[in-house]
Amino acid sequence: MARRNDLMAKRDKAIVDKFYELYDKQRKRMDDVLDELSNKHFFLDANYIYSRIFYNKDNNAYYESLLTKNNQHQKH
């Protein structure tokens, strides 16, 4: 089970990274981003991807850290 959890954590981090790139950097619409993640990158249901990003505390904390890091870079 530990190996599976490690793989899920790596997959989730990749999902958050790609979501951040598409939504926050490229400024695409949320529904377009979720559709792209679902159909071109991870082949998971868009609602599942959304829930993994925003309802999983570790993934959401990681996403928030990306936003914070980006805001700090913009201020300098």
C-alpha atoms as a PDB file:
ATOM      1  CA  MET A   1       0.000   0.000   0.000  1.00  0.00           C
ATOM      2  CA  ALA A   2       2.854   2.418   0.711  1.00  0.00           C
ATOM      3  CA  ARG A   3       4.055   2.226  -2.896  1.00  0.00           C
ATOM      4  CA  ARG A   4       0.544   2.984  -4.166  1.00  0.00           C
ATOM      5  CA  ASN A   5       0.270   5.988  -1.842  1.00  0.00           C
ATOM      6  CA  ASP A   6       3.644   7.276  -3.046  1.00  0.00           C
ATOM      7  CA  LEU A   7       2.542   6.981  -6.650  1.00  0.00           C
ATOM      8  CA  MET A   8      -0.760   8.738  -5.930  1.00  0.00           C
ATOM      9  CA  ALA A   9       1.093  11.564  -4.177  1.00  0.00           C
ATOM     10  CA  LYS A  10       3.435  11.972  -7.163  1.00  0.00           C
ATOM     11  CA  ARG A  11       0.507  11.895  -9.574  1.00  0.00           C
ATOM     12  CA  ASP A  12      -1.414  14.451  -7.512  1.00  0.00           C
ATOM     13  CA  LYS A  13       1.607  16.765  -7.387  1.00  0.00           C
ATOM     14  CA  ALA A  14       1.885  16.531 -11.183  1.00  0.00           C
ATOM     15  CA  ILE A  15      -1.838  17.334 -11.478  1.00  0.00           C
ATOM     16  CA  VAL A  16      -1.465  20.409  -9.271  1.00  0.00           C
ATOM     17  CA  ASP A  17       1.637  21.553 -11.164  1.00  0.00           C
ATOM     18  CA  LYS A  18      -0.124  21.247 -14.519  1.00  0.00           C
ATOM     19  CA  PHE A  19      -3.285  22.903 -13.187  1.00  0.00           C
ATOM     20  CA  TYR A  20      -1.208  25.809 -11.870  1.00  0.00           C
ATOM     21  CA  GLU A  21       0.584  26.163 -15.209  1.00  0.00           C
ATOM     22  CA  LEU A  22      -2.613  26.151 -17.259  1.00  0.00           C
ATOM     23  CA  TYR A  23      -4.911  28.113 -14.950  1.00  0.00           C
ATOM     24  CA  ASP A  24      -2.644  30.570 -13.177  1.00  0.00           C
ATOM     25  CA  LYS A  25       0.185  31.039 -15.666  1.00  0.00           C
ATOM     26  CA  GLN A  26      -1.586  30.647 -19.005  1.00  0.00           C
ATOM     27  CA  ARG A  27      -4.842  32.095 -17.605  1.00  0.00           C
ATOM     28  CA  LYS A  28      -7.119  29.517 -19.235  1.00  0.00           C
ATOM     29  CA  ARG A  29     -10.699  29.115 -18.045  1.00  0.00           C
ATOM     30  CA  MET A  30     -11.294  26.626 -15.233  1.00  0.00           C
ATOM     31  CA  ASP A  31     -13.575  24.368 -17.282  1.00  0.00           C
ATOM     32  CA  ASP A  32     -11.087  24.325 -20.159  1.00  0.00           C
ATOM     33  CA  VAL A  33      -8.229  23.489 -17.815  1.00  0.00           C
ATOM     34  CA  LEU A  34     -10.124  20.638 -16.179  1.00  0.00           C
ATOM     35  CA  ASP A  35     -11.136  19.302 -19.587  1.00  0.00           C
ATOM     36  CA  GLU A  36      -7.536  19.405 -20.806  1.00  0.00           C
ATOM     37  CA  LEU A  37      -6.217  17.732 -17.667  1.00  0.00           C
ATOM     38  CA  SER A  38      -8.891  15.078 -17.972  1.00  0.00           C
ATOM     39  CA  ASN A  39      -8.629  14.311 -21.678  1.00  0.00           C
ATOM     40  CA  LYS A  40      -5.022  15.090 -22.627  1.00  0.00           C
ATOM     41  CA  HIS A  41      -2.846  14.583 -19.568  1.00  0.00           C
ATOM     42  CA  PHE A  42      -4.197  12.361 -16.795  1.00  0.00           C
ATOM     43  CA  PHE A  43      -7.230  10.537 -18.248  1.00  0.00           C
ATOM     44  CA  LEU A  44      -9.236  10.950 -15.059  1.00  0.00           C
ATOM     45  CA  ASP A  45     -12.692  12.427 -14.578  1.00  0.00           C
ATOM     46  CA  ALA A  46     -12.614  16.241 -14.408  1.00  0.00           C
ATOM     47  CA  ASN A  47     -14.627  16.251 -11.161  1.00  0.00           C
ATOM     48  CA  TYR A  48     -12.147  13.832  -9.608  1.00  0.00           C
ATOM     49  CA  ILE A  49      -9.238  16.056 -10.655  1.00  0.00           C
ATOM     50  CA  TYR A  50     -10.964  19.107  -9.172  1.00  0.00           C
ATOM     51  CA  SER A  51     -11.598  17.301  -5.894  1.00  0.00           C
ATOM     52  CA  ARG A  52      -7.983  16.060  -5.709  1.00  0.00           C
ATOM     53  CA  ILE A  53      -6.717  19.643  -6.067  1.00  0.00           C
ATOM     54  CA  PHE A  54      -9.154  21.526  -3.859  1.00  0.00           C
ATOM     55  CA  TYR A  55     -10.521  19.001  -1.332  1.00  0.00           C
ATOM     56  CA  ASN A  56      -7.332  17.115  -0.491  1.00  0.00           C
ATOM     57  CA  LYS A  57      -5.565  19.156   2.194  1.00  0.00           C
ATOM     58  CA  ASP A  58      -2.022  18.256   1.092  1.00  0.00           C
ATOM     59  CA  ASN A  59      -2.695  19.008  -2.566  1.00  0.00           C
ATOM     60  CA  ASN A  60      -4.510  22.233  -1.749  1.00  0.00           C
ATOM     61  CA  ALA A  61      -1.666  23.333   0.525  1.00  0.00           C
ATOM     62  CA  TYR A  62       0.811  22.635  -2.277  1.00  0.00           C
ATOM     63  CA  TYR A  63      -1.308  24.640  -4.738  1.00  0.00           C
ATOM     64  CA  GLU A  64      -1.532  27.528  -2.263  1.00  0.00           C
ATOM     65  CA  SER A  65       2.260  27.431  -1.861  1.00  0.00           C
ATOM     66  CA  LEU A  66       2.652  27.797  -5.636  1.00  0.00           C
ATOM     67  CA  LEU A  67       0.335  30.798  -5.600  1.00  0.00           C
ATOM     68  CA  THR A  68       2.199  32.370  -2.681  1.00  0.00           C
ATOM     69  CA  LYS A  69       5.576  31.785  -4.302  1.00  0.00           C
ATOM     70  CA  ASN A  70       4.326  33.363  -7.541  1.00  0.00           C
ATOM     71  CA  ASN A  71       2.957  36.408  -5.694  1.00  0.00           C
ATOM     72  CA  GLN A  72       6.279  36.926  -3.919  1.00  0.00           C
ATOM     73  CA  HIS A  73       8.142  36.826  -7.237  1.00  0.00           C
ATOM     74  CA  GLN A  74       5.781  39.400  -8.769  1.00  0.00           C
ATOM     75  CA  LYS A  75       6.364  41.855  -5.924  1.00  0.00           C
ATOM     76  CA  HIS A  76      10.132  41.908  -6.487  1.00  0.00           C
END
